[in-house]
Amino acid sequence: METIVARGGIDGLDTLWMPEEPDFSFLADPFGLWRDGVLHIFAEHYDYRDRHGRIVCLRFDAALHPIDRQEVLSEAWHLSYPCVFEADGEIWMLPEAHRSGTLTLYRAGDFPHRWAPASHIVLDGGAVDATPFRHEGRWWLAYASARDRRSRQADLRLAFADRLEGPWTAHPGNPIRSDLAGGRPGGTPFVLDDKLNLPVQDGTGTYGAAIRILTFDRLDPAVARTSIGAPISAPADAGRYREGLHTLSACGAVTLVDVKRVDRTGRGWLIDLRRRLRAG
């Protein structure tokens, strides 16, 4: 992660691209965790035919050779952004699920296969791409507001708590940013040069166009002061997937990214038409 930030991009670094997904589906929002020498990558698997996101886990050995893949979490509502992390001797997942009307923290049972709701996090409204981190003895949560379409891309909010399960207190400066160029979390927070940094999505022009690094120049329960870096875009070797870079997620010596392309063939409109005909 630090190398990418220092270089200002991914071009020239060793990359291992996963095979393309089948038609009408994609993987996005990768988060990783090493366990017993195995890299577990959790990601959203989205199918355009039912417009539903589910969480899958892809496992790789130490040489990054694929081992297996399976669905590990599905709900009646759309799931994405499976933020996976370790804390208090447990493994947790905080997926994006604002359409459910709540933000649910899951605890791993039989990792990585089984997840059970541990608590519901209550905030100052719906939360999109909520990203937890520790800072100066407290838990913090960065998230975009789910209030409306623009807020989901532009209004960055914070909350803090003494315990991961809460209760959570909304930051008095919310929204701490209202900017399409950096108002929605997009990966794992990290510390560089003694400052806390958060990857955020640059949604100017198109959704998921690039990632920027948001630096907290000051962060405490009273004040949140930030500065933002230049966009980090999809690298040249991403081929036809160069229309956006949506996530920057650290996992030890490995950094996970997702890149995108836009299908302009019109097949998506055909899927929508078929869905509407079935619904009618």
Protein backbone atom coordinates (compact mmCIF):
# COMPACT_ATOMS: atom_id res chain seq x y z
CA MET A 1 0.00 0.00 0.00
CA GLU A 2 2.72 2.48 0.99
CA THR A 3 4.58 1.81 -2.27
CA ILE A 4 1.49 2.57 -4.33
CA VAL A 5 0.89 5.79 -2.42
CA ALA A 6 4.53 6.87 -2.74
CA ARG A 7 4.54 6.17 -6.50
CA GLY A 8 1.12 7.72 -7.01
CA GLY A 9 -0.15 4.69 -8.89
CA ILE A 10 0.09 0.99 -9.73
CA ASP A 11 1.83 1.18 -13.11
CA GLY A 12 5.14 -0.68 -13.10
CA LEU A 13 4.34 -2.86 -10.09
CA ASP A 14 3.92 -6.63 -10.24
CA THR A 15 0.24 -7.41 -10.69
CA LEU A 16 -1.70 -10.65 -10.84
CA TRP A 17 -5.09 -10.21 -12.50
CA MET A 18 -7.88 -12.66 -11.86
CA PRO A 19 -9.75 -14.24 -14.79
CA GLU A 20 -12.84 -12.44 -16.05
CA GLU A 21 -16.17 -13.33 -14.50
CA PRO A 22 -18.93 -14.91 -16.62
CA ASP A 23 -21.26 -12.65 -18.57
CA PHE A 24 -23.67 -10.48 -16.56
CA SER A 25 -21.68 -10.70 -13.32
CA PHE A 26 -18.65 -9.17 -11.63
CA LEU A 27 -16.50 -9.24 -8.51
CA ALA A 28 -15.83 -6.02 -6.60
CA ASP A 29 -14.79 -4.54 -3.24
CA PRO A 30 -11.99 -6.97 -2.30
CA PHE A 31 -10.80 -7.22 1.30
CA GLY A 32 -8.21 -9.76 2.42
CA LEU A 33 -7.04 -11.66 5.47
CA TRP A 34 -4.13 -14.08 5.82
CA ARG A 35 -4.82 -17.16 7.94
CA ASP A 36 -2.46 -20.14 8.35
CA GLY A 37 -0.51 -19.19 5.24
CA VAL A 38 -3.65 -18.85 3.12
CA LEU A 39 -4.87 -15.57 1.64
CA HIS A 40 -8.63 -15.20 1.99
CA ILE A 41 -10.11 -12.59 -0.33
CA PHE A 42 -13.68 -11.55 0.40
CA ALA A 43 -15.53 -9.75 -2.37
CA GLU A 44 -18.96 -8.83 -3.61
CA HIS A 45 -20.26 -11.10 -6.35
CA TYR A 46 -22.94 -9.23 -8.29
CA ASP A 47 -25.33 -10.74 -10.82
CA TYR A 48 -27.09 -8.30 -13.14
CA ARG A 49 -29.88 -10.80 -13.74
CA ASP A 50 -31.24 -10.43 -10.21
CA ARG A 51 -29.40 -7.21 -9.20
CA HIS A 52 -28.27 -8.87 -6.00
CA GLY A 53 -24.87 -8.83 -4.35
CA ARG A 54 -23.56 -11.73 -2.28
CA ILE A 55 -20.25 -12.20 -0.47
CA VAL A 56 -17.81 -14.81 -1.75
CA CYS A 57 -14.44 -15.93 -0.42
CA LEU A 58 -11.59 -16.81 -2.77
CA ARG A 59 -8.63 -18.60 -1.22
CA PHE A 60 -5.02 -18.55 -2.46
CA ASP A 61 -1.88 -20.25 -1.21
CA ALA A 62 1.29 -18.40 -0.24
CA ALA A 63 2.41 -18.33 -3.90
CA LEU A 64 -0.98 -16.81 -4.84
CA HIS A 65 -2.16 -19.93 -6.62
CA PRO A 66 -5.96 -20.33 -6.36
CA ILE A 67 -7.29 -22.96 -3.97
CA ASP A 68 -11.07 -22.60 -4.05
CA ARG A 69 -13.99 -20.21 -4.03
CA GLN A 70 -17.37 -20.27 -2.34
CA GLU A 71 -20.26 -18.07 -1.31
CA VAL A 72 -20.04 -17.31 2.41
CA LEU A 73 -22.76 -14.74 3.11
CA SER A 74 -26.10 -14.05 1.45
CA GLU A 75 -29.11 -12.14 2.72
CA ALA A 76 -32.50 -11.15 1.34
CA TRP A 77 -30.96 -7.75 0.57
CA HIS A 78 -27.96 -6.63 -1.48
CA LEU A 79 -24.53 -7.06 0.15
CA SER A 80 -21.22 -5.54 -0.93
CA TYR A 81 -17.99 -4.03 0.47
CA PRO A 82 -17.20 -6.92 2.87
CA CYS A 83 -14.80 -5.13 5.22
CA VAL A 84 -13.08 -8.01 7.06
CA PHE A 85 -10.75 -7.45 10.02
CA GLU A 86 -9.47 -8.95 13.27
CA ALA A 87 -10.14 -7.44 16.70
CA ASP A 88 -10.50 -8.67 20.28
CA GLY A 89 -9.44 -12.19 19.31
CA GLU A 90 -12.26 -12.51 16.77
CA ILE A 91 -12.70 -12.09 13.02
CA TRP A 92 -15.39 -9.64 11.95
CA MET A 93 -17.10 -8.57 8.77
CA LEU A 94 -18.95 -5.30 8.24
CA PRO A 95 -20.58 -5.51 4.79
CA GLU A 96 -22.42 -2.68 3.06
CA ALA A 97 -26.17 -3.32 3.31
CA HIS A 98 -27.95 0.03 3.55
CA ARG A 99 -30.97 -1.33 1.66
CA SER A 100 -31.69 -3.53 4.68
CA GLY A 101 -32.23 -0.42 6.79
CA THR A 102 -29.49 -1.32 9.26
CA LEU A 103 -25.73 -1.79 9.56
CA THR A 104 -24.95 -5.29 10.81
CA LEU A 105 -21.63 -6.41 12.26
CA TYR A 106 -20.99 -10.13 11.68
CA ARG A 107 -18.69 -12.43 13.66
CA ALA A 108 -16.99 -15.43 12.06
CA GLY A 109 -17.91 -18.84 13.41
CA ASP A 110 -16.28 -21.51 11.26
CA PHE A 111 -13.96 -19.13 9.38
CA PRO A 112 -14.30 -18.35 6.53
CA HIS A 113 -17.52 -20.25 5.86
CA ARG A 114 -19.97 -19.14 8.53
CA TRP A 115 -20.89 -15.67 9.76
CA ALA A 116 -23.47 -14.71 12.35
CA PRO A 117 -24.86 -11.26 13.20
CA ALA A 118 -23.15 -9.96 16.34
CA SER A 119 -24.69 -6.49 16.68
CA HIS A 120 -26.50 -3.73 14.84
CA ILE A 121 -24.61 -0.45 14.66
CA VAL A 122 -26.86 2.58 15.12
CA LEU A 123 -25.65 5.79 13.46
CA ASP A 124 -27.04 9.17 12.40
CA GLY A 125 -28.75 7.63 9.36
CA GLY A 126 -28.06 4.95 6.78
CA ALA A 127 -24.40 4.13 6.12
CA VAL A 128 -22.69 3.18 2.85
CA ASP A 129 -19.30 1.39 2.71
CA ALA A 130 -18.72 1.71 6.45
CA THR A 131 -15.03 1.25 7.29
CA PRO A 132 -13.91 0.71 10.92
CA PHE A 133 -10.46 1.53 12.30
CA ARG A 134 -8.66 2.21 15.58
CA HIS A 135 -7.25 5.65 16.34
CA GLU A 136 -5.87 6.99 19.62
CA GLY A 137 -7.62 4.44 21.81
CA ARG A 138 -11.03 4.61 20.15
CA TRP A 139 -12.94 2.82 17.45
CA TRP A 140 -13.84 4.99 14.50
CA LEU A 141 -16.17 4.42 11.59
CA ALA A 142 -15.96 6.24 8.25
CA TYR A 143 -18.99 5.97 5.97
CA ALA A 144 -20.97 7.76 3.29
CA SER A 145 -24.52 8.89 3.94
CA ALA A 146 -27.27 6.76 2.37
CA ARG A 147 -29.68 9.71 2.28
CA ASP A 148 -29.78 10.13 -1.51
CA ARG A 149 -27.81 9.33 -4.64
CA ARG A 150 -25.36 12.22 -4.38
CA SER A 151 -24.84 11.75 -0.65
CA ARG A 152 -23.88 8.12 -1.23
CA GLN A 153 -20.92 9.37 -3.29
CA ALA A 154 -20.08 12.68 -1.66
CA ASP A 155 -21.00 13.00 2.03
CA LEU A 156 -18.31 11.45 4.21
CA ARG A 157 -19.27 10.97 7.84
CA LEU A 158 -17.56 9.72 11.00
CA ALA A 159 -18.61 8.10 14.25
CA PHE A 160 -16.59 6.94 17.25
CA ALA A 161 -17.03 4.47 20.12
CA ASP A 162 -15.15 2.89 23.00
CA ARG A 163 -16.24 -0.59 21.91
CA LEU A 164 -16.65 -2.07 18.46
CA GLU A 165 -20.24 -3.06 19.22
CA GLY A 166 -21.00 0.52 20.31
CA PRO A 167 -22.75 2.65 21.31
CA TRP A 168 -21.52 4.94 18.54
CA THR A 169 -21.47 8.74 18.62
CA ALA A 170 -21.77 10.75 15.41
CA HIS A 171 -18.99 13.27 14.88
CA PRO A 172 -20.22 16.85 15.39
CA GLY A 173 -18.58 17.92 12.13
CA ASN A 174 -20.63 15.54 9.95
CA PRO A 175 -20.44 15.47 7.06
CA ILE A 176 -16.70 16.06 7.37
CA ARG A 177 -16.50 16.23 3.55
CA SER A 178 -19.10 16.86 0.87
CA ASP A 179 -17.20 16.20 -2.31
CA LEU A 180 -17.64 13.74 -5.18
CA ALA A 181 -13.85 13.52 -5.42
CA GLY A 182 -13.53 11.88 -2.01
CA GLY A 183 -16.73 11.40 -0.04
CA ARG A 184 -17.04 7.60 0.09
CA PRO A 185 -14.61 5.08 1.64
CA GLY A 186 -12.80 2.79 -0.76
CA GLY A 187 -10.49 0.47 1.17
CA THR A 188 -8.45 -0.12 4.30
CA PRO A 189 -7.17 2.75 6.48
CA PHE A 190 -3.42 2.88 7.11
CA VAL A 191 -0.82 4.99 8.90
CA LEU A 192 1.96 6.65 6.90
CA ASP A 193 4.41 9.21 8.28
CA ASP A 194 2.52 9.14 11.59
CA LYS A 195 -0.72 10.22 9.92
CA LEU A 196 -3.92 8.26 9.47
CA ASN A 197 -4.98 7.77 5.84
CA LEU A 198 -8.15 6.45 4.25
CA PRO A 199 -8.63 5.42 0.60
CA VAL A 200 -11.72 7.18 -0.74
CA GLN A 201 -13.55 6.89 -4.04
CA ASP A 202 -13.30 9.59 -6.67
CA GLY A 203 -16.74 9.65 -8.26
CA THR A 204 -16.26 12.67 -10.48
CA GLY A 205 -17.25 11.90 -14.05
CA THR A 206 -18.25 8.30 -13.35
CA TYR A 207 -18.85 6.03 -10.38
CA GLY A 208 -15.63 4.40 -9.18
CA ALA A 209 -13.40 6.43 -11.49
CA ALA A 210 -10.35 6.38 -9.21
CA ILE A 211 -9.10 6.19 -5.64
CA ARG A 212 -7.66 9.11 -3.71
CA ILE A 213 -5.91 9.04 -0.35
CA LEU A 214 -7.60 11.13 2.32
CA THR A 215 -5.17 12.18 5.06
CA PHE A 216 -6.42 13.11 8.51
CA ASP A 217 -4.36 16.10 9.58
CA ARG A 218 -6.33 16.10 12.82
CA LEU A 219 -8.91 13.65 14.13
CA ASP A 220 -10.53 13.69 17.55
CA PRO A 221 -14.11 13.72 18.87
CA ALA A 222 -14.36 17.47 18.31
CA VAL A 223 -12.43 18.15 15.08
CA ALA A 224 -11.82 16.28 11.82
CA ARG A 225 -9.46 18.06 9.45
CA THR A 226 -8.43 16.40 6.19
CA SER A 227 -6.46 16.86 2.99
CA ILE A 228 -6.74 14.78 -0.16
CA GLY A 229 -4.24 13.45 -2.68
CA ALA A 230 -4.24 13.04 -6.44
CA PRO A 231 -6.31 10.30 -8.11
CA ILE A 232 -4.89 6.78 -8.41
CA SER A 233 -6.26 5.30 -11.62
CA ALA A 234 -6.37 1.86 -13.19
CA PRO A 235 -2.94 0.82 -14.54
CA ALA A 236 -2.11 0.36 -18.20
CA ASP A 237 -1.86 -3.43 -17.87
CA ALA A 238 -5.52 -3.62 -16.81
CA GLY A 239 -6.33 -3.87 -20.52
CA ARG A 240 -9.95 -3.11 -21.29
CA TYR A 241 -10.64 -2.70 -17.55
CA ARG A 242 -9.22 0.81 -17.40
CA GLU A 243 -12.39 2.84 -16.88
CA GLY A 244 -12.10 2.94 -13.11
CA LEU A 245 -10.26 1.82 -9.98
CA HIS A 246 -12.71 1.36 -7.16
CA THR A 247 -10.93 -0.19 -4.15
CA LEU A 248 -7.46 -0.10 -2.56
CA SER A 249 -7.22 -2.67 0.20
CA ALA A 250 -4.06 -3.70 2.09
CA CYS A 251 -3.43 -7.27 3.19
CA GLY A 252 0.12 -7.70 4.43
CA ALA A 253 2.54 -7.55 1.50
CA VAL A 254 -0.39 -7.83 -0.93
CA THR A 255 -2.61 -4.93 -1.97
CA LEU A 256 -5.98 -5.72 -3.52
CA VAL A 257 -7.63 -3.54 -6.17
CA ASP A 258 -10.61 -3.80 -8.47
CA VAL A 259 -10.85 -2.19 -11.88
CA LYS A 260 -13.81 -1.77 -14.17
CA ARG A 261 -15.06 -1.52 -17.70
CA VAL A 262 -18.45 -0.44 -19.00
CA ASP A 263 -20.37 -2.78 -21.31
CA ARG A 264 -21.94 -0.57 -23.97
CA THR A 265 -23.39 -3.38 -26.09
CA GLY A 266 -26.92 -2.91 -24.77
CA ARG A 267 -27.16 -6.38 -23.22
CA GLY A 268 -27.95 -4.82 -19.85
CA TRP A 269 -31.04 -3.14 -21.28
CA LEU A 270 -32.21 -6.54 -22.55
CA ILE A 271 -31.85 -8.03 -19.06
CA ASP A 272 -33.88 -5.15 -17.60
CA LEU A 273 -36.59 -5.63 -20.23
CA ARG A 274 -36.84 -9.36 -19.49
CA ARG A 275 -37.02 -8.68 -15.75
CA ARG A 276 -39.82 -6.16 -16.21
CA LEU A 277 -41.75 -8.54 -18.45
CA ARG A 278 -41.49 -11.28 -15.82
CA ALA A 279 -42.59 -8.84 -13.11
CA GLY A 280 -45.57 -7.79 -15.22
